Amino acid sequence: MPFLAAMLPFIAASLPGDRWVHPVLLGLALPVTGFALVRGFMLHRLRRPAAIGAAGLALIASALFVTGTVAEAALTVGGGLLVVSAHLLNWRGHRAGCSI
């Protein structure tokens, strides 16, 4: 599920160009990704995944202000990559049994 949530920005690129798509997908990504990052932090206490994930979500959200431009795509894809990275770091922290 976290992987699918992280992929939402990439899936958005294949959906119709309606103005409602980005806000709806962001509205889905924020709670799902936020929950996963908070849960991961509570399990292994690693701050880096939470910080990277928050930065990724912020980039995706900032793309709402530059709709219809190359910057929108760059911010969305860059943010999506950061969110994916955060999920991978969370997963690695969980697998390693980190408690710091």
N, C-alpha and C. Protein backbone atom coordinates (compact mmCIF):
# COMPACT_ATOMS: atom_id res chain seq x y z
N MET A 1 0.81 -1.20 0.00
CA MET A 1 0.00 0.00 0.00
C MET A 1 0.86 1.27 0.00
N PRO A 2 1.91 1.36 0.82
CA PRO A 2 2.74 2.58 0.76
C PRO A 2 3.33 2.82 -0.62
N PHE A 3 3.72 1.74 -1.30
CA PHE A 3 4.28 1.89 -2.64
C PHE A 3 3.24 2.47 -3.58
N LEU A 4 2.01 1.96 -3.51
CA LEU A 4 0.95 2.49 -4.37
C LEU A 4 0.66 3.96 -4.05
N ALA A 5 0.66 4.29 -2.77
CA ALA A 5 0.43 5.69 -2.38
C ALA A 5 1.54 6.58 -2.90
N ALA A 6 2.77 6.09 -2.83
CA ALA A 6 3.89 6.88 -3.33
C ALA A 6 3.85 7.04 -4.84
N MET A 7 3.21 6.11 -5.52
CA MET A 7 3.12 6.16 -6.97
C MET A 7 2.01 7.07 -7.49
N LEU A 8 1.18 7.59 -6.61
CA LEU A 8 0.06 8.43 -7.05
C LEU A 8 0.49 9.58 -7.97
N PRO A 9 1.58 10.30 -7.67
CA PRO A 9 1.96 11.38 -8.59
C PRO A 9 2.29 10.87 -9.99
N PHE A 10 2.88 9.69 -10.09
CA PHE A 10 3.22 9.14 -11.40
C PHE A 10 1.97 8.67 -12.13
N ILE A 11 1.02 8.14 -11.38
CA ILE A 11 -0.24 7.72 -11.98
C ILE A 11 -1.00 8.93 -12.50
N ALA A 12 -0.86 10.05 -11.81
CA ALA A 12 -1.56 11.27 -12.21
C ALA A 12 -1.17 11.71 -13.61
N ALA A 13 0.05 11.43 -14.00
CA ALA A 13 0.51 11.84 -15.33
C ALA A 13 -0.27 11.13 -16.44
N SER A 14 -0.80 9.96 -16.17
CA SER A 14 -1.53 9.22 -17.20
C SER A 14 -3.03 9.50 -17.17
N LEU A 15 -3.49 10.25 -16.19
CA LEU A 15 -4.92 10.58 -16.09
C LEU A 15 -5.23 11.81 -16.93
N PRO A 16 -6.51 12.06 -17.16
CA PRO A 16 -6.90 13.24 -17.93
C PRO A 16 -6.35 14.52 -17.31
N GLY A 17 -6.16 15.53 -18.11
CA GLY A 17 -5.57 16.78 -17.66
C GLY A 17 -6.53 17.70 -16.93
N ASP A 18 -7.61 17.19 -16.41
CA ASP A 18 -8.55 18.03 -15.68
C ASP A 18 -7.90 18.64 -14.44
N ARG A 19 -8.37 19.82 -14.08
CA ARG A 19 -7.79 20.54 -12.95
C ARG A 19 -8.08 19.89 -11.61
N TRP A 20 -9.02 18.99 -11.53
CA TRP A 20 -9.37 18.35 -10.26
C TRP A 20 -8.48 17.16 -9.92
N VAL A 21 -7.75 16.62 -10.91
CA VAL A 21 -6.99 15.39 -10.70
C VAL A 21 -5.89 15.57 -9.66
N HIS A 22 -5.08 16.61 -9.82
CA HIS A 22 -3.95 16.82 -8.90
C HIS A 22 -4.43 17.04 -7.46
N PRO A 23 -5.39 17.94 -7.22
CA PRO A 23 -5.85 18.10 -5.84
C PRO A 23 -6.46 16.84 -5.23
N VAL A 24 -7.19 16.06 -6.03
CA VAL A 24 -7.79 14.83 -5.50
C VAL A 24 -6.70 13.83 -5.14
N LEU A 25 -5.73 13.64 -6.03
CA LEU A 25 -4.65 12.70 -5.74
C LEU A 25 -3.81 13.16 -4.56
N LEU A 26 -3.59 14.46 -4.46
CA LEU A 26 -2.86 14.98 -3.29
C LEU A 26 -3.66 14.74 -2.02
N GLY A 27 -4.96 14.93 -2.10
CA GLY A 27 -5.82 14.67 -0.96
C GLY A 27 -5.79 13.21 -0.51
N LEU A 28 -5.56 12.31 -1.44
CA LEU A 28 -5.42 10.90 -1.10
C LEU A 28 -4.02 10.60 -0.57
N ALA A 29 -3.01 11.22 -1.17
CA ALA A 29 -1.62 10.94 -0.81
C ALA A 29 -1.26 11.49 0.57
N LEU A 30 -1.78 12.66 0.92
CA LEU A 30 -1.41 13.27 2.21
C LEU A 30 -1.74 12.38 3.41
N PRO A 31 -2.97 11.93 3.57
CA PRO A 31 -3.24 11.11 4.76
C PRO A 31 -2.56 9.74 4.73
N VAL A 32 -2.51 9.11 3.57
CA VAL A 32 -1.91 7.79 3.49
C VAL A 32 -0.41 7.86 3.76
N THR A 33 0.27 8.77 3.08
CA THR A 33 1.71 8.92 3.27
C THR A 33 2.01 9.45 4.67
N GLY A 34 1.23 10.41 5.12
CA GLY A 34 1.44 10.94 6.47
C GLY A 34 1.31 9.85 7.52
N PHE A 35 0.30 9.01 7.40
CA PHE A 35 0.12 7.91 8.34
C PHE A 35 1.31 6.96 8.31
N ALA A 36 1.76 6.61 7.11
CA ALA A 36 2.88 5.68 6.98
C ALA A 36 4.16 6.27 7.57
N LEU A 37 4.40 7.54 7.34
CA LEU A 37 5.62 8.17 7.87
C LEU A 37 5.58 8.30 9.38
N VAL A 38 4.44 8.68 9.91
CA VAL A 38 4.31 8.79 11.38
C VAL A 38 4.43 7.41 12.01
N ARG A 39 3.78 6.44 11.44
CA ARG A 39 3.87 5.07 11.97
C ARG A 39 5.30 4.56 11.92
N GLY A 40 5.98 4.82 10.83
CA GLY A 40 7.38 4.41 10.72
C GLY A 40 8.24 5.08 11.77
N PHE A 41 8.02 6.37 11.99
CA PHE A 41 8.80 7.08 13.01
C PHE A 41 8.53 6.49 14.39
N MET A 42 7.28 6.17 14.68
CA MET A 42 6.94 5.61 15.98
C MET A 42 7.59 4.23 16.18
N LEU A 43 7.79 3.50 15.11
CA LEU A 43 8.39 2.17 15.21
C LEU A 43 9.90 2.20 15.36
N HIS A 44 10.58 3.04 14.55
CA HIS A 44 12.04 2.99 14.55
C HIS A 44 12.73 4.29 14.92
N ARG A 45 11.99 5.35 15.13
CA ARG A 45 12.52 6.65 15.59
C ARG A 45 13.56 7.27 14.66
N LEU A 46 13.51 6.95 13.39
CA LEU A 46 14.40 7.58 12.42
C LEU A 46 13.71 8.83 11.87
N ARG A 47 14.37 9.96 11.99
CA ARG A 47 13.76 11.22 11.54
C ARG A 47 13.91 11.46 10.05
N ARG A 48 14.97 10.91 9.46
CA ARG A 48 15.25 11.18 8.05
C ARG A 48 14.09 10.80 7.13
N PRO A 49 13.49 9.60 7.25
CA PRO A 49 12.37 9.27 6.36
C PRO A 49 11.20 10.25 6.51
N ALA A 50 10.90 10.65 7.73
CA ALA A 50 9.79 11.60 7.94
C ALA A 50 10.11 12.95 7.30
N ALA A 51 11.34 13.41 7.45
CA ALA A 51 11.73 14.71 6.87
C ALA A 51 11.71 14.66 5.34
N ILE A 52 12.25 13.59 4.78
CA ILE A 52 12.26 13.46 3.32
C ILE A 52 10.84 13.33 2.78
N GLY A 53 10.01 12.56 3.45
CA GLY A 53 8.62 12.40 3.03
C GLY A 53 7.84 13.70 3.11
N ALA A 54 8.06 14.45 4.18
CA ALA A 54 7.39 15.75 4.32
C ALA A 54 7.82 16.71 3.22
N ALA A 55 9.11 16.70 2.90
CA ALA A 55 9.61 17.55 1.82
C ALA A 55 8.98 17.14 0.48
N GLY A 56 8.86 15.84 0.26
CA GLY A 56 8.23 15.36 -0.97
C GLY A 56 6.78 15.78 -1.08
N LEU A 57 6.05 15.63 0.01
CA LEU A 57 4.64 16.06 0.00
C LEU A 57 4.53 17.56 -0.21
N ALA A 58 5.45 18.32 0.37
CA ALA A 58 5.43 19.77 0.18
C ALA A 58 5.69 20.13 -1.28
N LEU A 59 6.61 19.43 -1.93
CA LEU A 59 6.86 19.69 -3.35
C LEU A 59 5.62 19.37 -4.19
N ILE A 60 5.00 18.24 -3.89
CA ILE A 60 3.80 17.87 -4.64
C ILE A 60 2.70 18.90 -4.42
N ALA A 61 2.54 19.36 -3.19
CA ALA A 61 1.53 20.38 -2.90
C ALA A 61 1.86 21.70 -3.58
N SER A 62 3.13 22.05 -3.62
CA SER A 62 3.51 23.33 -4.26
C SER A 62 3.23 23.32 -5.75
N ALA A 63 3.18 22.13 -6.35
CA ALA A 63 2.87 22.04 -7.78
C ALA A 63 1.46 22.52 -8.09
N LEU A 64 0.60 22.57 -7.09
CA LEU A 64 -0.76 23.08 -7.30
C LEU A 64 -0.77 24.55 -7.70
N PHE A 65 0.30 25.26 -7.36
CA PHE A 65 0.35 26.70 -7.63
C PHE A 65 0.93 27.04 -9.00
N VAL A 66 1.43 26.05 -9.71
CA VAL A 66 2.01 26.29 -11.03
C VAL A 66 1.41 25.33 -12.05
N THR A 67 0.10 25.16 -12.01
CA THR A 67 -0.56 24.18 -12.87
C THR A 67 -0.37 24.51 -14.35
N GLY A 68 -0.27 23.44 -15.13
CA GLY A 68 -0.17 23.57 -16.57
C GLY A 68 1.21 23.96 -17.07
N THR A 69 2.21 23.84 -16.25
CA THR A 69 3.56 24.21 -16.65
C THR A 69 4.50 23.02 -16.50
N VAL A 70 5.69 23.18 -17.04
CA VAL A 70 6.72 22.16 -16.86
C VAL A 70 7.10 22.08 -15.38
N ALA A 71 7.05 23.20 -14.69
CA ALA A 71 7.38 23.21 -13.26
C ALA A 71 6.44 22.31 -12.48
N GLU A 72 5.17 22.27 -12.88
CA GLU A 72 4.22 21.40 -12.18
C GLU A 72 4.67 19.95 -12.28
N ALA A 73 5.02 19.53 -13.47
CA ALA A 73 5.47 18.14 -13.65
C ALA A 73 6.76 17.88 -12.89
N ALA A 74 7.69 18.81 -12.93
CA ALA A 74 8.96 18.63 -12.24
C ALA A 74 8.76 18.55 -10.73
N LEU A 75 7.94 19.43 -10.18
CA LEU A 75 7.68 19.40 -8.74
C LEU A 75 6.95 18.13 -8.33
N THR A 76 6.00 17.70 -9.14
CA THR A 76 5.23 16.51 -8.82
C THR A 76 6.10 15.26 -8.88
N VAL A 77 6.89 15.13 -9.93
CA VAL A 77 7.75 13.96 -10.06
C VAL A 77 8.85 13.98 -9.00
N GLY A 78 9.47 15.14 -8.80
CA GLY A 78 10.51 15.25 -7.76
C GLY A 78 9.96 14.93 -6.38
N GLY A 79 8.79 15.46 -6.08
CA GLY A 79 8.15 15.17 -4.80
C GLY A 79 7.80 13.71 -4.67
N GLY A 80 7.31 13.12 -5.74
CA GLY A 80 6.99 11.70 -5.73
C GLY A 80 8.21 10.84 -5.48
N LEU A 81 9.34 11.21 -6.09
CA LEU A 81 10.58 10.47 -5.86
C LEU A 81 11.03 10.58 -4.41
N LEU A 82 10.87 11.76 -3.82
CA LEU A 82 11.22 11.91 -2.41
C LEU A 82 10.31 11.06 -1.52
N VAL A 83 9.03 11.03 -1.83
CA VAL A 83 8.09 10.22 -1.05
C VAL A 83 8.44 8.73 -1.17
N VAL A 84 8.76 8.29 -2.37
CA VAL A 84 9.17 6.90 -2.57
C VAL A 84 10.43 6.61 -1.76
N SER A 85 11.39 7.53 -1.80
CA SER A 85 12.62 7.36 -1.03
C SER A 85 12.33 7.27 0.46
N ALA A 86 11.44 8.10 0.94
CA ALA A 86 11.07 8.08 2.36
C ALA A 86 10.45 6.74 2.74
N HIS A 87 9.59 6.23 1.89
CA HIS A 87 8.97 4.93 2.17
C HIS A 87 10.02 3.82 2.18
N LEU A 88 10.98 3.88 1.27
CA LEU A 88 12.04 2.87 1.25
C LEU A 88 12.90 2.96 2.52
N LEU A 89 13.22 4.18 2.94
CA LEU A 89 13.99 4.34 4.18
C LEU A 89 13.21 3.84 5.39
N ASN A 90 11.91 4.11 5.41
CA ASN A 90 11.05 3.59 6.47
C ASN A 90 11.09 2.06 6.49
N TRP A 91 10.96 1.48 5.34
CA TRP A 91 10.96 0.03 5.22
C TRP A 91 12.29 -0.55 5.69
N ARG A 92 13.39 0.07 5.24
CA ARG A 92 14.71 -0.40 5.65
C ARG A 92 14.91 -0.25 7.16
N GLY A 93 14.43 0.85 7.72
CA GLY A 93 14.54 1.06 9.17
C GLY A 93 13.75 0.01 9.93
N HIS A 94 12.59 -0.30 9.41
CA HIS A 94 11.76 -1.32 10.06
C HIS A 94 12.42 -2.69 9.98
N ARG A 95 12.94 -3.03 8.78
CA ARG A 95 13.59 -4.33 8.59
C ARG A 95 14.85 -4.46 9.44
N ALA A 96 15.56 -3.35 9.63
CA ALA A 96 16.80 -3.38 10.41
C ALA A 96 16.53 -3.38 11.91
N GLY A 97 15.30 -3.08 12.29
CA GLY A 97 14.95 -3.05 13.71
C GLY A 97 15.54 -1.85 14.42
N CYS A 98 15.69 -0.75 13.70
CA CYS A 98 16.27 0.46 14.30
C CYS A 98 15.39 0.98 15.41
N SER A 99 16.04 1.48 16.44
CA SER A 99 15.29 2.07 17.55
C SER A 99 15.84 3.44 17.91
N ILE A 100 16.72 3.98 17.07
CA ILE A 100 17.30 5.30 17.34
C ILE A 100 16.71 6.29 16.36
